Amino acid sequence: MVMRARLLAASAVLSLASGACVLVFGMDPLTERVAADDGSADDAKAPDPPDGPLAEPPPCGADRIALPERPPGSADVEDGSISFFVLSTLDLGVRPADGRPGFDLDRHTTLDAADNSCTLFTGGDPAETLRRAGDTDGGVDNATYELLQLLRYFVRAFDPERIDLRLGVGYYGVVLSLARWNGTPNDDDVLVQVIPTIGYWEKPSDGGAPFWNREARALDFDAGDTLMPDERFRAGSAGSKLASAAGWINDGKLVARFDQLTLPVRSSVDDLRPFDLEIADAWLTATVVDAVDGGIATLRDGALGGRIHASSFLTQASLVYDDQSDVFLCAQVTGQTSRYLCDSRDIRSSHCDDHQELPCDALSFGARFEANAIQEARIGPHRARLDSDYTQKGQVPPTQRCPDLDAALECP
């Protein structure tokens, strides 16, 4: 059976050279303090994050979409153990032939630009609007998929294949956490937490303290490397502010709903700054597959979906480094990139506003993922990303980028 416990963790780790799955074994307990470069705790590095969720739940009640329902009341036989998994891939559009990943978020199939759960911005070309925002895959809402396929040709940082590669070598990751699981194929109440990682701790060969090696090589668990959780999302000693509002397992299918979920990914260029996908009304599903014949347990056919406010995506994009022109997008994002992005809005930022004849203000989001089991000793202390990290790699810290942009960007 999958190793069980009060948290389900997932983060990104694959071997760069062979492309084969990296076997993962365990994690050090998550510390309450920020870790210094030597892996020790340093309270002076960053303030403690506030406890609790990132946002209050919506006033209109819980979101509901067509997913496996919560099973009938199940036996409460949890033993306090924890199951850990690590993402081996994150597909934001790597396999176009497989269609758009995601869910029918607004419970409506858009086949006509004039018939949507919110008012689309046609720009005088309804056919083009329908190509970007229409539901071509049986109602699946995922406007970011088409947007990334377009933007990747202008700014290489948006290339989904390169984003997945950064995940595979351990430069970033996402740790999920599952609590209250009874260990059976049916459980009507589980808690899933998401713990993003910003890299890994390297264990020196002389047995000294772990340190951040400035990404001199790919993550290697066999060499004693451990994952580095992002301090921004820490809650308490071992928890995350990114916690599910509801969760269950039905016939082996894990389902979790989040009022707010942040998925920090690394762009396709080697910029240390993560691109924070800030997702509202987020859903996560995966099939839990037990280990067989000494193998490792897995999460298969994983899917993520939700809503990203257009202002959030624009603001994040403005700080992206474009290695082709050797500049940060900054104000340039208000030009062609802004037009593509704003014209792609296909959904409301809250399910409370669906089917209210309101203008679309958000982008639907979807992704596929796979994950392998991991043991607790393979997660090290939390760490904050520091300005000195950027300067030591010859990069400009985000606090010094785009000084003329002093407010969040908005679509016209």
Protein backbone atom coordinates (compact mmCIF):
# COMPACT_ATOMS: atom_id res chain seq x y z
CA MET A 1 0.00 0.00 0.00
CA VAL A 2 1.07 3.62 -0.50
CA MET A 3 2.92 5.02 2.53
CA ARG A 4 0.20 6.86 4.43
CA ALA A 5 0.19 9.89 6.70
CA ARG A 6 -1.39 13.21 7.49
CA LEU A 7 0.14 14.99 4.52
CA LEU A 8 0.40 14.19 0.77
CA ALA A 9 3.53 15.72 -0.76
CA ALA A 10 4.37 16.15 -4.41
CA SER A 11 7.39 17.86 -5.96
CA ALA A 12 9.42 17.77 -9.11
CA VAL A 13 12.30 15.34 -9.61
CA LEU A 14 13.54 13.37 -12.64
CA SER A 15 17.03 12.53 -13.87
CA LEU A 16 18.21 15.01 -16.53
CA ALA A 17 20.54 12.74 -18.46
CA SER A 18 18.58 9.53 -18.75
CA GLY A 19 15.06 10.92 -18.54
CA ALA A 20 14.17 7.94 -16.37
CA CYS A 21 12.18 8.42 -13.18
CA VAL A 22 14.27 9.27 -10.14
CA LEU A 23 13.59 6.95 -7.21
CA VAL A 24 12.78 8.89 -4.07
CA PHE A 25 13.06 7.68 -0.55
CA GLY A 26 12.28 10.19 2.22
CA MET A 27 12.30 13.73 3.65
CA ASP A 28 13.67 15.58 6.68
CA PRO A 29 10.93 17.09 8.85
CA LEU A 30 10.03 20.61 7.71
CA THR A 31 11.56 23.22 9.99
CA GLU A 32 9.70 26.20 11.42
CA ARG A 33 12.61 28.52 10.62
CA VAL A 34 14.07 29.78 7.37
CA ALA A 35 17.20 27.89 6.34
CA ALA A 36 20.48 29.52 5.46
CA ASP A 37 22.70 28.39 2.58
CA ASP A 38 24.30 25.76 4.80
CA GLY A 39 20.93 24.20 5.60
CA SER A 40 20.86 25.62 9.11
CA ALA A 41 17.95 27.68 10.38
CA ASP A 42 18.23 31.46 10.32
CA ASP A 43 15.34 33.48 11.73
CA ALA A 44 16.74 36.70 10.30
CA LYS A 45 16.38 35.68 6.66
CA ALA A 46 12.63 36.29 6.36
CA PRO A 47 9.63 36.94 8.64
CA ASP A 48 7.32 34.11 9.59
CA PRO A 49 4.37 33.85 7.18
CA PRO A 50 0.86 34.35 8.54
CA ASP A 51 -1.11 31.25 9.41
CA GLY A 52 -4.35 30.32 7.69
CA PRO A 53 -5.54 30.22 4.07
CA LEU A 54 -4.56 32.81 1.49
CA ALA A 55 -8.15 33.99 1.04
CA GLU A 56 -11.58 33.60 2.54
CA PRO A 57 -13.92 31.06 0.91
CA PRO A 58 -16.41 32.48 -1.60
CA PRO A 59 -19.73 33.74 -0.20
CA CYS A 60 -21.86 31.74 -2.65
CA GLY A 61 -20.84 28.34 -1.30
CA ALA A 62 -18.60 25.56 -2.53
CA ASP A 63 -17.84 25.09 -6.21
CA ARG A 64 -19.21 21.93 -7.84
CA ILE A 65 -18.08 20.35 -11.11
CA ALA A 66 -18.55 16.92 -12.67
CA LEU A 67 -15.95 14.79 -10.85
CA PRO A 68 -16.16 11.57 -8.83
CA GLU A 69 -18.56 12.33 -5.99
CA ARG A 70 -17.67 12.11 -2.35
CA PRO A 71 -18.25 8.47 -1.33
CA PRO A 72 -20.68 7.55 1.44
CA GLY A 73 -19.37 7.78 4.99
CA SER A 74 -16.28 5.57 5.25
CA ALA A 75 -14.59 3.87 8.17
CA ASP A 76 -12.43 6.25 10.19
CA VAL A 77 -9.40 4.01 10.63
CA GLU A 78 -6.59 6.45 9.92
CA ASP A 79 -3.41 5.62 11.81
CA GLY A 80 -1.66 8.99 11.67
CA SER A 81 0.80 8.00 8.96
CA ILE A 82 1.47 10.13 5.86
CA SER A 83 1.66 9.35 2.13
CA PHE A 84 4.23 11.27 0.11
CA PHE A 85 4.49 11.61 -3.67
CA VAL A 86 6.78 13.59 -5.95
CA LEU A 87 5.80 15.03 -9.33
CA SER A 88 7.71 13.48 -12.19
CA THR A 89 6.10 15.61 -14.91
CA LEU A 90 3.93 18.72 -15.31
CA ASP A 91 2.25 19.10 -18.69
CA LEU A 92 1.05 22.64 -19.49
CA GLY A 93 0.85 21.81 -23.18
CA VAL A 94 3.70 19.40 -23.92
CA ARG A 95 1.46 16.90 -25.74
CA PRO A 96 -0.96 18.88 -27.95
CA ALA A 97 -2.18 15.68 -29.62
CA ASP A 98 -3.67 14.59 -26.28
CA GLY A 99 -6.00 17.59 -26.20
CA ARG A 100 -6.40 20.21 -23.53
CA PRO A 101 -6.05 18.97 -19.95
CA GLY A 102 -8.42 20.26 -17.30
CA PHE A 103 -12.09 20.27 -16.32
CA ASP A 104 -15.45 21.72 -17.33
CA LEU A 105 -15.14 24.50 -14.76
CA ASP A 106 -18.23 26.52 -15.63
CA ARG A 107 -20.48 23.53 -16.33
CA HIS A 108 -21.09 24.80 -19.86
CA THR A 109 -19.79 23.76 -23.29
CA THR A 110 -18.98 26.83 -25.37
CA LEU A 111 -19.50 26.14 -29.07
CA ASP A 112 -20.64 29.65 -29.99
CA ALA A 113 -18.82 32.87 -29.04
CA ALA A 114 -22.19 34.39 -28.13
CA ASP A 115 -23.06 31.53 -25.76
CA ASN A 116 -20.66 31.32 -22.82
CA SER A 117 -20.83 31.46 -19.02
CA CYS A 118 -19.49 35.03 -19.24
CA THR A 119 -19.30 37.60 -22.03
CA LEU A 120 -16.33 36.94 -24.33
CA PHE A 121 -14.29 39.73 -25.92
CA THR A 122 -14.77 38.99 -29.61
CA GLY A 123 -12.76 41.93 -30.95
CA GLY A 124 -14.79 41.81 -34.12
CA ASP A 125 -13.73 38.24 -34.96
CA PRO A 126 -16.01 35.70 -33.22
CA ALA A 127 -14.35 32.79 -35.05
CA GLU A 128 -10.92 33.69 -33.68
CA THR A 129 -12.40 34.20 -30.21
CA LEU A 130 -14.00 30.76 -30.34
CA ARG A 131 -10.68 29.20 -31.38
CA ARG A 132 -8.99 30.65 -28.28
CA ALA A 133 -11.80 30.37 -25.75
CA GLY A 134 -14.14 27.72 -27.10
CA ASP A 135 -14.57 24.31 -25.47
CA THR A 136 -13.18 22.06 -28.19
CA ASP A 137 -12.58 19.08 -25.89
CA GLY A 138 -16.02 18.19 -24.60
CA GLY A 139 -16.47 21.17 -22.33
CA VAL A 140 -12.91 21.35 -20.92
CA ASP A 141 -12.04 24.94 -19.98
CA ASN A 142 -8.34 25.73 -20.54
CA ALA A 143 -7.65 29.03 -22.27
CA THR A 144 -4.09 29.15 -20.89
CA TYR A 145 -3.24 26.09 -23.00
CA GLU A 146 -3.89 27.88 -26.28
CA LEU A 147 -2.31 31.08 -24.92
CA LEU A 148 0.97 29.35 -24.02
CA GLN A 149 1.10 27.64 -27.42
CA LEU A 150 0.96 31.12 -28.97
CA LEU A 151 3.23 33.01 -26.55
CA ARG A 152 6.01 30.40 -26.74
CA TYR A 153 6.81 31.60 -30.28
CA PHE A 154 7.37 35.17 -29.07
CA VAL A 155 8.95 34.57 -25.65
CA ARG A 156 10.78 31.30 -25.12
CA ALA A 157 10.16 31.46 -21.36
CA PHE A 158 6.58 30.30 -22.00
CA ASP A 159 7.60 27.02 -23.69
CA PRO A 160 5.75 24.19 -21.83
CA GLU A 161 8.42 21.61 -22.74
CA ARG A 162 11.18 23.69 -21.20
CA ILE A 163 9.06 24.40 -18.13
CA ASP A 164 8.62 20.66 -17.64
CA LEU A 165 12.37 20.16 -18.08
CA ARG A 166 13.12 22.60 -15.23
CA LEU A 167 10.76 20.53 -13.10
CA GLY A 168 12.52 17.34 -14.12
CA VAL A 169 15.96 18.48 -12.97
CA GLY A 170 14.65 19.72 -9.62
CA TYR A 171 15.01 23.49 -10.11
CA TYR A 172 11.45 23.88 -8.83
CA GLY A 173 8.73 21.56 -7.62
CA VAL A 174 5.38 21.30 -5.91
CA VAL A 175 4.91 19.33 -2.71
CA LEU A 176 1.32 18.26 -2.06
CA SER A 177 0.21 17.01 1.36
CA LEU A 178 -2.68 14.58 2.16
CA ALA A 179 -4.02 14.10 5.69
CA ARG A 180 -6.74 11.98 7.33
CA TRP A 181 -6.59 9.17 4.76
CA ASN A 182 -7.81 5.81 6.04
CA GLY A 183 -5.61 3.97 3.53
CA THR A 184 -8.47 2.39 1.58
CA PRO A 185 -9.79 3.09 -1.96
CA ASN A 186 -12.69 5.05 -0.41
CA ASP A 187 -12.43 7.85 2.12
CA ASP A 188 -15.02 10.61 2.41
CA ASP A 189 -12.74 13.16 4.11
CA VAL A 190 -9.05 13.75 3.35
CA LEU A 191 -6.95 16.91 3.54
CA VAL A 192 -4.55 17.79 0.71
CA GLN A 193 -1.86 20.44 1.14
CA VAL A 194 0.45 21.86 -1.54
CA ILE A 195 4.04 22.77 -0.63
CA PRO A 196 5.99 24.33 -3.52
CA THR A 197 9.76 23.88 -3.63
CA ILE A 198 12.37 26.29 -4.99
CA GLY A 199 15.17 23.83 -5.64
CA TYR A 200 17.15 21.40 -3.53
CA TRP A 201 19.77 21.15 -0.80
CA GLU A 202 23.04 19.49 -1.83
CA LYS A 203 24.82 17.27 0.68
CA PRO A 204 28.58 17.74 0.40
CA SER A 205 30.75 14.68 -0.05
CA ASP A 206 32.72 15.47 3.13
CA GLY A 207 29.55 15.09 5.21
CA GLY A 208 29.20 18.77 6.03
CA ALA A 209 26.00 20.80 6.24
CA PRO A 210 23.70 20.82 3.17
CA PHE A 211 23.82 23.94 1.01
CA TRP A 212 22.23 25.49 -2.07
CA ASN A 213 24.64 24.88 -4.94
CA ARG A 214 23.33 27.62 -7.28
CA GLU A 215 21.92 24.90 -9.56
CA ALA A 216 25.32 23.66 -10.66
CA ARG A 217 23.77 20.31 -11.60
CA ALA A 218 20.50 18.38 -11.60
CA LEU A 219 18.86 17.08 -8.43
CA ASP A 220 20.31 13.72 -7.33
CA PHE A 221 18.65 11.90 -4.44
CA ASP A 222 21.26 9.14 -4.60
CA ALA A 223 23.87 11.76 -3.69
CA GLY A 224 21.86 12.80 -0.62
CA ASP A 225 20.08 15.86 -2.06
CA THR A 226 16.85 16.97 -0.35
CA LEU A 227 14.03 19.17 -1.57
CA MET A 228 13.86 22.85 -0.54
CA PRO A 229 10.30 24.01 0.33
CA ASP A 230 9.38 27.62 -0.48
CA GLU A 231 9.22 29.65 2.75
CA ARG A 232 6.44 31.85 1.37
CA PHE A 233 3.85 29.11 1.80
CA ARG A 234 4.88 27.62 5.15
CA ALA A 235 2.24 27.44 7.87
CA GLY A 236 3.41 26.21 11.26
CA SER A 237 6.15 23.60 11.51
CA ALA A 238 5.09 21.21 8.75
CA GLY A 239 2.01 22.64 7.07
CA SER A 240 1.18 24.81 4.08
CA LYS A 241 -1.06 27.81 3.55
CA LEU A 242 -2.19 26.08 0.35
CA ALA A 243 -4.69 23.65 1.91
CA SER A 244 -7.71 22.00 0.32
CA ALA A 245 -11.19 23.15 1.32
CA ALA A 246 -12.50 19.62 0.67
CA GLY A 247 -11.05 16.29 -0.34
CA TRP A 248 -11.97 12.62 -0.73
CA ILE A 249 -10.99 9.37 -2.45
CA ASN A 250 -13.62 7.48 -4.43
CA ASP A 251 -12.72 4.04 -5.81
CA GLY A 252 -9.04 4.99 -5.79
CA LYS A 253 -9.60 8.42 -7.38
CA LEU A 254 -8.27 11.32 -5.31
CA VAL A 255 -10.29 14.55 -5.58
CA ALA A 256 -9.38 17.82 -3.84
CA ARG A 257 -10.83 21.34 -4.11
CA PHE A 258 -8.95 24.53 -3.18
CA ASP A 259 -10.45 27.99 -2.80
CA GLN A 260 -6.99 29.36 -3.65
CA LEU A 261 -3.93 27.52 -4.97
CA THR A 262 -0.59 28.94 -6.12
CA LEU A 263 1.52 26.84 -8.50
CA PRO A 264 4.97 28.45 -8.84
CA VAL A 265 6.73 27.20 -11.99
CA ARG A 266 10.11 28.08 -13.42
CA SER A 267 10.10 29.60 -16.88
CA SER A 268 11.90 27.83 -19.68
CA VAL A 269 14.97 30.04 -19.22
CA ASP A 270 17.13 29.74 -16.10
CA ASP A 271 15.61 32.68 -14.25
CA LEU A 272 15.42 31.97 -10.50
CA ARG A 273 12.18 33.88 -10.15
CA PRO A 274 9.12 31.59 -10.25
CA PHE A 275 6.09 32.40 -12.37
CA ASP A 276 3.27 32.15 -9.83
CA LEU A 277 0.14 30.66 -11.34
CA GLU A 278 -2.41 32.00 -8.84
CA ILE A 279 -5.43 29.74 -9.28
CA ALA A 280 -8.87 30.27 -7.76
CA ASP A 281 -11.56 27.56 -7.48
CA ALA A 282 -8.84 24.98 -8.14
CA TRP A 283 -9.38 21.24 -8.51
CA LEU A 284 -6.90 18.35 -8.35
CA THR A 285 -7.57 14.72 -9.28
CA ALA A 286 -5.36 11.64 -9.62
CA THR A 287 -5.61 7.85 -9.50
CA VAL A 288 -3.75 6.34 -6.53
CA VAL A 289 -1.81 3.25 -7.69
CA ASP A 290 -0.19 1.00 -5.06
CA ALA A 291 3.36 -0.27 -5.40
CA VAL A 292 3.66 -3.65 -7.16
CA ASP A 293 6.52 -6.19 -6.88
CA GLY A 294 8.83 -3.91 -4.96
CA GLY A 295 8.13 -0.87 -7.16
CA ILE A 296 7.03 2.54 -5.98
CA ALA A 297 3.49 3.80 -5.52
CA THR A 298 2.31 6.42 -7.98
CA LEU A 299 -0.31 9.05 -8.72
CA ARG A 300 -1.37 8.52 -12.32
CA ASP A 301 -3.53 10.49 -14.77
CA GLY A 302 -3.27 13.54 -12.53
CA ALA A 303 -5.09 16.74 -13.51
CA LEU A 304 -5.14 20.31 -12.17
CA GLY A 305 -7.60 23.02 -13.14
CA GLY A 306 -9.00 26.37 -12.06
CA ARG A 307 -9.25 30.09 -12.82
CA ILE A 308 -6.41 32.64 -13.11
CA HIS A 309 -7.36 36.32 -12.98
CA ALA A 310 -6.07 38.13 -16.07
CA SER A 311 -4.46 40.84 -13.91
CA SER A 312 -2.46 38.23 -12.02
CA PHE A 313 -1.18 36.59 -15.22
CA LEU A 314 -0.26 39.97 -16.75
CA THR A 315 1.59 41.11 -13.64
CA GLN A 316 3.55 37.85 -13.41
CA ALA A 317 4.37 38.01 -17.13
CA SER A 318 5.74 41.55 -16.82
CA LEU A 319 8.66 40.26 -14.69
CA VAL A 320 9.58 37.43 -17.08
CA TYR A 321 13.08 37.48 -18.56
CA ASP A 322 13.23 37.09 -22.35
CA ASP A 323 16.61 35.54 -23.17
CA GLN A 324 16.09 36.11 -26.90
CA SER A 325 16.09 39.91 -26.56
CA ASP A 326 17.96 39.95 -23.20
CA VAL A 327 15.33 42.10 -21.48
CA PHE A 328 12.53 41.77 -18.97
CA LEU A 329 9.11 42.12 -20.55
CA CYS A 330 8.03 44.92 -18.18
CA ALA A 331 5.94 47.47 -20.07
CA GLN A 332 6.19 45.40 -23.25
CA VAL A 333 3.65 43.03 -21.74
CA THR A 334 1.03 45.74 -22.19
CA GLY A 335 1.46 45.50 -25.94
CA GLN A 336 1.03 42.39 -28.06
CA THR A 337 1.26 39.98 -25.11
CA SER A 338 -1.47 41.88 -23.29
CA ARG A 339 -3.72 41.83 -26.35
CA TYR A 340 -3.35 38.08 -26.79
CA LEU A 341 -3.87 37.43 -23.09
CA CYS A 342 -6.79 39.79 -22.55
CA ASP A 343 -8.58 38.56 -25.67
CA SER A 344 -8.26 35.01 -24.31
CA ARG A 345 -10.30 35.65 -21.16
CA ASP A 346 -12.98 32.97 -21.16
CA ILE A 347 -14.29 32.63 -17.61
CA ARG A 348 -15.06 34.57 -14.45
CA SER A 349 -12.47 34.60 -11.66
CA SER A 350 -15.07 33.15 -9.25
CA HIS A 351 -17.65 30.45 -9.84
CA CYS A 352 -20.08 32.72 -7.98
CA ASP A 353 -20.25 34.90 -11.11
CA ASP A 354 -20.85 32.17 -13.69
CA HIS A 355 -23.90 32.62 -15.93
CA GLN A 356 -24.54 36.15 -14.65
CA GLU A 357 -24.00 37.89 -18.04
CA LEU A 358 -20.79 39.50 -16.74
CA PRO A 359 -17.67 40.14 -18.84
CA CYS A 360 -15.00 37.45 -18.60
CA ASP A 361 -12.14 38.58 -16.36
CA ALA A 362 -10.03 35.41 -16.02
CA LEU A 363 -8.32 32.60 -17.90
CA SER A 364 -9.30 28.99 -17.37
CA PHE A 365 -6.31 26.80 -16.51
CA GLY A 366 -5.54 23.08 -16.81
CA ALA A 367 -2.52 20.80 -16.55
CA ARG A 368 -1.62 17.12 -16.41
CA PHE A 369 0.80 15.59 -13.92
CA GLU A 370 2.27 12.27 -12.78
CA ALA A 371 3.89 11.58 -9.41
CA ASN A 372 5.90 8.91 -7.59
CA ALA A 373 5.96 7.98 -3.91
CA ILE A 374 8.57 9.67 -1.73
CA GLN A 375 9.70 9.16 1.86
CA GLU A 376 9.93 11.88 4.46
CA ALA A 377 13.72 12.15 4.65
CA ARG A 378 13.89 13.62 1.13
CA ILE A 379 12.43 17.02 2.09
CA GLY A 380 14.79 19.45 3.79
CA PRO A 381 14.27 22.78 5.57
CA HIS A 382 12.24 25.65 4.15
CA ARG A 383 14.16 28.49 2.51
CA ALA A 384 13.27 31.92 1.18
CA ARG A 385 14.56 33.06 -2.21
CA LEU A 386 16.91 35.99 -1.44
CA ASP A 387 18.02 38.93 -3.58
CA SER A 388 21.60 37.71 -3.11
CA ASP A 389 20.65 34.44 -4.85
CA TYR A 390 19.90 36.39 -8.02
CA THR A 391 23.01 38.56 -7.92
CA GLN A 392 25.25 35.53 -7.31
CA LYS A 393 23.89 33.99 -10.51
CA GLY A 394 24.26 37.25 -12.43
CA GLN A 395 20.51 37.96 -12.44
CA VAL A 396 18.44 41.01 -11.49
CA PRO A 397 16.33 40.52 -8.33
CA PRO A 398 12.57 40.90 -8.91
CA THR A 399 12.54 43.90 -6.54
CA GLN A 400 14.74 45.76 -9.03
CA ARG A 401 12.89 44.81 -12.21
CA CYS A 402 10.45 47.06 -14.05
CA PRO A 403 10.68 50.11 -11.73
CA ASP A 404 8.11 51.96 -13.86
CA LEU A 405 5.46 49.33 -13.14
CA ASP A 406 4.36 50.19 -9.61
CA ALA A 407 0.94 48.54 -9.67
CA ALA A 408 -0.76 45.38 -10.84
CA LEU A 409 -1.50 45.35 -14.56
CA GLU A 410 -5.06 45.25 -15.80
CA CYS A 411 -6.70 44.42 -19.12
CA PRO A 412 -8.30 47.42 -20.82
